[in-house]
């Protein structure tokens, strides 16, 4: 199966800008892109750990061409956004910043698409203001803390020696880990581009602090799980079953707890893994186009 390769990080960055927004610890500057017509129906795409909004670069043009106003941004500590070294990173502040991005850009209600770390940000946003989310699409992520299975390097970086181990993280190690969690082949050039977004401004050293989201998922599950399961708007789960972190083992609970949601299992062959939007961009874009429609 042929697929387009990811555009370079430089090309992706050239289409956006950095804006200053406010969170609970003060002002921070985030990289933000706006694609598609300003008057189009808004959709916001939230990326995962440890990469950046660049993960959506093969999806955005398709949604923009369908007339959507597509907002993507690098979360604090990721990609081309600020990466304060000793910051107390939290999902709660990431949600603050997302809301302030919407305020700064004049975005009211919006559809929301989330992946990996971004699903926790989306669950917090749903817990705060579900009426603001017009429809919700989820790609592989730790929706239920007890079903989340981090890979070995994540467990080590999340442990007591994480800050020291972060210095030993290399592109070779990143590629090896990605090959463990991907279901379909992704070109080495794409993995290099993804790595560049991580190492930008020393970002690889932030992994132990950013991985605190694992603890936050447990701390806030009494709010986040009801927000997920109680959301009344149109809901799509676009899932890679070959993902060892949040793959096929999550689907039975999704189907049991949210029977009215649309569940699309990207089973291939070959089956998709943890990064559906990178592994199967044409399929993901087509499903999102149908789900989002036009207004």
Protein backbone atom coordinates (compact mmCIF):
# COMPACT_ATOMS: atom_id res chain seq x y z
CA UNK A 1 0.00 0.00 0.00
CA UNK A 2 1.54 3.32 -1.07
CA UNK A 3 1.29 6.45 1.00
CA UNK A 4 2.59 10.00 0.90
CA UNK A 5 5.56 10.82 3.10
CA UNK A 6 5.38 13.44 5.80
CA UNK A 7 6.42 16.94 4.73
CA UNK A 8 9.57 18.24 6.32
CA UNK A 9 9.32 19.83 9.74
CA UNK A 10 10.54 23.10 8.23
CA UNK A 11 7.76 23.04 5.65
CA UNK A 12 5.14 22.30 8.31
CA UNK A 13 6.45 25.07 10.58
CA UNK A 14 6.45 27.60 7.73
CA UNK A 15 2.65 27.34 7.54
CA UNK A 16 2.08 28.42 11.14
CA UNK A 17 3.02 31.03 13.69
CA UNK A 18 3.81 31.32 17.38
CA UNK A 19 1.24 32.99 19.59
CA UNK A 20 1.30 33.75 23.30
CA UNK A 21 -1.50 32.25 25.35
CA UNK A 22 -2.24 32.02 29.06
CA UNK A 23 -2.29 29.00 31.37
CA UNK A 24 -2.36 28.47 35.10
CA UNK A 25 1.40 29.03 35.38
CA UNK A 26 1.41 32.17 33.24
CA UNK A 27 2.01 33.04 29.60
CA UNK A 28 3.51 30.59 27.12
CA UNK A 29 4.16 30.76 23.40
CA UNK A 30 2.77 27.93 21.28
CA UNK A 31 3.19 27.03 17.64
CA UNK A 32 -0.23 27.20 15.95
CA UNK A 33 -1.50 26.56 12.42
CA UNK A 34 -4.75 27.57 10.79
CA UNK A 35 -5.66 25.81 7.55
CA UNK A 36 -8.77 26.03 5.43
CA UNK A 37 -11.34 28.86 5.21
CA UNK A 38 -11.73 31.01 8.31
CA UNK A 39 -15.51 30.84 7.93
CA UNK A 40 -15.54 27.04 7.69
CA UNK A 41 -16.78 24.70 10.45
CA UNK A 42 -13.98 24.48 13.02
CA UNK A 43 -12.13 21.28 13.84
CA UNK A 44 -9.22 21.09 16.28
CA UNK A 45 -6.65 18.28 16.12
CA UNK A 46 -4.65 17.48 19.29
CA UNK A 47 -1.46 15.44 18.98
CA UNK A 48 0.18 12.90 21.25
CA UNK A 49 3.39 12.12 23.15
CA UNK A 50 6.24 12.51 22.33
CA UNK A 51 5.78 14.12 18.92
CA UNK A 52 3.89 17.20 17.71
CA UNK A 53 1.13 18.62 15.52
CA UNK A 54 3.24 17.55 12.55
CA UNK A 55 1.68 14.08 13.01
CA UNK A 56 -1.47 15.53 11.41
CA UNK A 57 0.31 16.97 8.36
CA UNK A 58 -1.10 14.40 5.92
CA UNK A 59 -4.63 14.80 7.30
CA UNK A 60 -4.93 18.59 7.48
CA UNK A 61 -4.92 19.33 3.72
CA UNK A 62 -7.80 16.89 3.14
CA UNK A 63 -9.97 18.44 5.85
CA UNK A 64 -9.09 21.98 4.75
CA UNK A 65 -10.00 21.11 1.16
CA UNK A 66 -13.43 19.99 2.39
CA UNK A 67 -14.00 23.49 3.75
CA UNK A 68 -13.13 23.00 7.41
CA UNK A 69 -11.28 25.55 9.46
CA UNK A 70 -8.53 23.28 10.84
CA UNK A 71 -6.63 24.27 13.97
CA UNK A 72 -3.49 22.40 14.96
CA UNK A 73 -0.95 23.39 17.58
CA UNK A 74 2.02 22.01 19.46
CA UNK A 75 1.22 21.47 23.11
CA UNK A 76 3.51 23.06 25.68
CA UNK A 77 6.77 21.13 25.79
CA UNK A 78 6.35 19.70 22.29
CA UNK A 79 7.46 20.54 18.74
CA UNK A 80 7.96 24.25 18.09
CA UNK A 81 6.17 25.47 21.23
CA UNK A 82 7.92 26.68 24.37
CA UNK A 83 9.83 23.96 26.22
CA UNK A 84 10.62 25.30 29.70
CA UNK A 85 13.07 22.85 31.26
CA UNK A 86 11.84 22.76 34.87
CA UNK A 87 8.15 23.33 34.25
CA UNK A 88 5.47 21.37 36.18
CA UNK A 89 3.78 20.07 33.02
CA UNK A 90 0.16 19.03 33.43
CA UNK A 91 -2.78 18.02 31.28
CA UNK A 92 -4.87 20.59 33.12
CA UNK A 93 -2.66 23.44 31.93
CA UNK A 94 -2.56 22.00 28.41
CA UNK A 95 -6.36 22.28 28.43
CA UNK A 96 -6.08 25.86 29.71
CA UNK A 97 -3.80 26.70 26.81
CA UNK A 98 -6.05 24.98 24.27
CA UNK A 99 -8.98 27.06 25.47
CA UNK A 100 -6.91 30.22 25.24
CA UNK A 101 -5.82 29.28 21.69
CA UNK A 102 -9.52 29.12 20.81
CA UNK A 103 -10.13 32.47 22.51
CA UNK A 104 -7.23 34.14 20.72
CA UNK A 105 -8.34 32.79 17.34
CA UNK A 106 -12.02 33.58 17.84
CA UNK A 107 -13.08 29.92 17.76
CA UNK A 108 -16.30 29.12 19.60
CA UNK A 109 -17.71 25.62 19.22
CA UNK A 110 -15.42 23.12 17.51
CA UNK A 111 -15.17 19.48 16.56
CA UNK A 112 -12.27 17.81 18.34
CA UNK A 113 -9.94 15.03 17.17
CA UNK A 114 -7.44 13.65 19.69
CA UNK A 115 -4.62 11.09 19.76
CA UNK A 116 -2.51 9.58 22.58
CA UNK A 117 -1.58 12.30 25.14
CA UNK A 118 -4.15 14.46 23.37
CA UNK A 119 -6.99 12.18 24.48
CA UNK A 120 -6.34 13.21 28.08
CA UNK A 121 -6.41 16.87 27.08
CA UNK A 122 -9.67 16.22 25.22
CA UNK A 123 -11.19 14.40 28.21
CA UNK A 124 -10.38 17.38 30.41
CA UNK A 125 -11.91 19.74 27.84
CA UNK A 126 -15.05 17.58 27.72
CA UNK A 127 -15.24 17.59 31.52
CA UNK A 128 -15.11 21.41 31.50
CA UNK A 129 -17.33 22.34 28.57
CA UNK A 130 -18.93 19.44 26.68
CA UNK A 131 -21.41 21.76 24.95
CA UNK A 132 -18.51 23.47 23.21
CA UNK A 133 -17.46 20.26 21.43
CA UNK A 134 -19.69 19.67 18.40
CA UNK A 135 -18.42 16.14 17.74
CA UNK A 136 -15.57 14.04 19.07
CA UNK A 137 -13.14 11.67 17.29
CA UNK A 138 -10.64 9.56 19.20
CA UNK A 139 -7.51 7.86 17.90
CA UNK A 140 -5.46 5.40 19.97
CA UNK A 141 -4.88 6.69 23.48
CA UNK A 142 -5.17 5.87 27.17
CA UNK A 143 -8.85 6.55 27.70
CA UNK A 144 -8.94 4.11 30.63
CA UNK A 145 -5.91 4.16 32.96
CA UNK A 146 -6.21 0.48 33.86
CA UNK A 147 -5.97 -0.51 30.19
CA UNK A 148 -2.97 1.69 29.37
CA UNK A 149 0.17 -0.38 28.73
CA UNK A 150 3.20 1.91 28.35
CA UNK A 151 6.22 0.43 26.60
CA UNK A 152 9.42 -0.25 28.52
CA UNK A 153 11.18 3.01 27.64
CA UNK A 154 8.14 5.00 28.83
CA UNK A 155 8.13 3.10 32.13
CA UNK A 156 11.83 3.78 32.60
CA UNK A 157 11.56 7.48 31.74
CA UNK A 158 8.59 7.75 34.09
CA UNK A 159 10.59 6.16 36.90
CA UNK A 160 13.02 7.68 39.45
CA UNK A 161 15.98 7.61 37.04
CA UNK A 162 14.02 9.13 34.18
CA UNK A 163 15.81 12.50 34.17
CA UNK A 164 19.17 10.75 33.79
CA UNK A 165 17.93 8.26 31.22
CA UNK A 166 16.51 11.07 29.08
CA UNK A 167 20.07 12.09 28.19
CA UNK A 168 20.60 8.64 26.66
CA UNK A 169 17.55 8.82 24.37
CA UNK A 170 18.72 8.80 20.74
CA UNK A 171 17.12 8.79 17.32
CA UNK A 172 18.09 5.13 16.95
CA UNK A 173 16.31 4.28 20.19
CA UNK A 174 13.28 6.30 19.13
CA UNK A 175 13.08 4.42 15.83
CA UNK A 176 13.34 1.07 17.61
CA UNK A 177 10.50 1.99 19.97
CA UNK A 178 8.35 3.26 17.13
CA UNK A 179 8.83 0.00 15.23
CA UNK A 180 7.45 -1.80 18.30
CA UNK A 181 4.23 0.19 18.40
CA UNK A 182 3.52 0.68 14.68
CA UNK A 183 1.48 -1.89 12.84
CA UNK A 184 2.33 -0.73 9.31
CA UNK A 185 5.66 0.19 7.81
CA UNK A 186 6.54 3.89 8.03
CA UNK A 187 9.52 5.21 6.01
CA UNK A 188 12.70 5.99 7.93
CA UNK A 189 12.51 9.55 6.60
CA UNK A 190 9.16 9.99 8.35
CA UNK A 191 10.56 8.68 11.63
CA UNK A 192 13.49 11.06 11.28
CA UNK A 193 11.09 13.96 10.76
CA UNK A 194 9.14 12.94 13.87
CA UNK A 195 12.38 12.66 15.86
CA UNK A 196 13.40 16.15 14.81
CA UNK A 197 10.22 17.54 16.40
CA UNK A 198 11.17 15.81 19.66
CA UNK A 199 14.78 16.95 19.80
CA UNK A 200 13.84 20.52 18.84
CA UNK A 201 15.14 22.87 21.58
CA UNK A 202 16.21 19.95 23.76
CA UNK A 203 12.72 18.50 23.97
CA UNK A 204 13.89 14.89 24.46
CA UNK A 205 15.01 15.86 27.98
CA UNK A 206 11.45 16.80 28.93
CA UNK A 207 10.04 13.27 28.55
CA UNK A 208 10.12 12.42 32.29
CA UNK A 209 8.16 15.57 33.14
CA UNK A 210 5.66 15.16 30.31
CA UNK A 211 5.09 11.51 31.24
CA UNK A 212 3.47 12.64 34.46
CA UNK A 213 0.29 12.47 32.42
CA UNK A 214 0.25 8.76 33.32
CA UNK A 215 -0.30 9.72 36.96
CA UNK A 216 -2.80 12.43 36.04
CA UNK A 217 -4.95 9.90 34.23
CA UNK A 218 -5.35 7.98 37.48
CA UNK A 219 -5.83 11.11 39.57
CA UNK A 220 -8.56 12.55 37.33
CA UNK A 221 -10.28 9.39 36.08
CA UNK A 222 -13.35 10.10 38.25
CA UNK A 223 -13.94 13.20 36.06
CA UNK A 224 -12.45 12.11 32.78
CA UNK A 225 -14.15 8.74 32.30
CA UNK A 226 -17.68 10.10 32.90
CA UNK A 227 -16.85 12.98 30.54
CA UNK A 228 -15.86 10.45 27.88
CA UNK A 229 -18.76 8.08 28.37
CA UNK A 230 -21.38 10.74 29.01
CA UNK A 231 -20.66 12.91 25.98
CA UNK A 232 -23.89 13.13 23.97
CA UNK A 233 -22.51 14.43 20.68
CA UNK A 234 -21.51 12.33 17.65
CA UNK A 235 -18.53 10.17 18.59
CA UNK A 236 -16.04 8.25 16.46
CA UNK A 237 -13.31 5.85 17.57
CA UNK A 238 -10.76 5.41 14.78
CA UNK A 239 -8.55 2.68 16.19
CA UNK A 240 -5.36 0.81 15.32
CA UNK A 241 -5.75 -2.67 16.85
CA UNK A 242 -2.07 -3.65 16.44
CA UNK A 243 -1.04 -1.05 19.03
CA UNK A 244 0.46 -2.73 22.14
CA UNK A 245 -0.16 0.39 24.26
CA UNK A 246 -3.83 1.19 23.59
CA UNK A 247 -4.89 -1.20 20.87
CA UNK A 248 -7.37 -4.04 20.39
CA UNK A 249 -7.62 -4.74 24.12
CA UNK A 250 -9.36 -1.36 24.62
CA UNK A 251 -12.09 -1.91 22.03
CA UNK A 252 -14.36 -4.28 24.01
CA UNK A 253 -14.75 -1.68 26.76
CA UNK A 254 -15.39 1.11 24.27
CA UNK A 255 -18.10 -0.95 22.60
CA UNK A 256 -19.63 -1.96 25.93
CA UNK A 257 -19.62 1.48 27.55
CA UNK A 258 -20.45 3.58 24.48
CA UNK A 259 -22.68 1.45 22.25
CA UNK A 260 -24.00 4.45 20.30
CA UNK A 261 -20.50 5.52 19.19
CA UNK A 262 -19.11 4.63 15.78
CA UNK A 263 -16.09 2.32 16.12
CA UNK A 264 -13.84 1.78 13.10
CA UNK A 265 -11.11 -0.78 13.57
CA UNK A 266 -8.25 -0.23 11.11
CA UNK A 267 -7.57 -3.94 10.83
CA UNK A 268 -5.87 -3.95 7.44
CA UNK A 269 -4.19 -6.14 6.45
CA UNK A 270 -1.79 -5.20 7.80
CA UNK A 271 -3.46 -3.85 10.93
CA UNK A 272 -2.68 -0.30 12.02
CA UNK A 273 -0.83 0.34 15.28
CA UNK A 274 -0.46 3.30 17.61
CA UNK A 275 -0.21 6.12 15.01
CA UNK A 276 -3.20 5.76 12.65
CA UNK A 277 -2.80 9.24 11.17
CA UNK A 278 0.81 8.47 10.18
CA UNK A 279 0.46 4.78 9.30
CA UNK A 280 -2.78 5.05 7.31
CA UNK A 281 -3.31 8.74 6.50
CA UNK A 282 -5.59 8.20 3.50
CA UNK A 283 -7.92 5.90 5.45
CA UNK A 284 -7.95 8.17 8.49
CA UNK A 285 -8.58 11.29 6.40
CA UNK A 286 -11.42 9.60 4.51
CA UNK A 287 -13.12 8.44 7.73
CA UNK A 288 -12.72 11.88 9.31
CA UNK A 289 -14.12 13.58 6.21
CA UNK A 290 -17.25 11.44 6.40
CA UNK A 291 -17.57 11.91 10.15
CA UNK A 292 -17.06 15.67 10.14
CA UNK A 293 -19.08 16.31 7.00
CA UNK A 294 -19.86 19.96 6.32
CA UNK A 295 -22.16 22.47 7.94
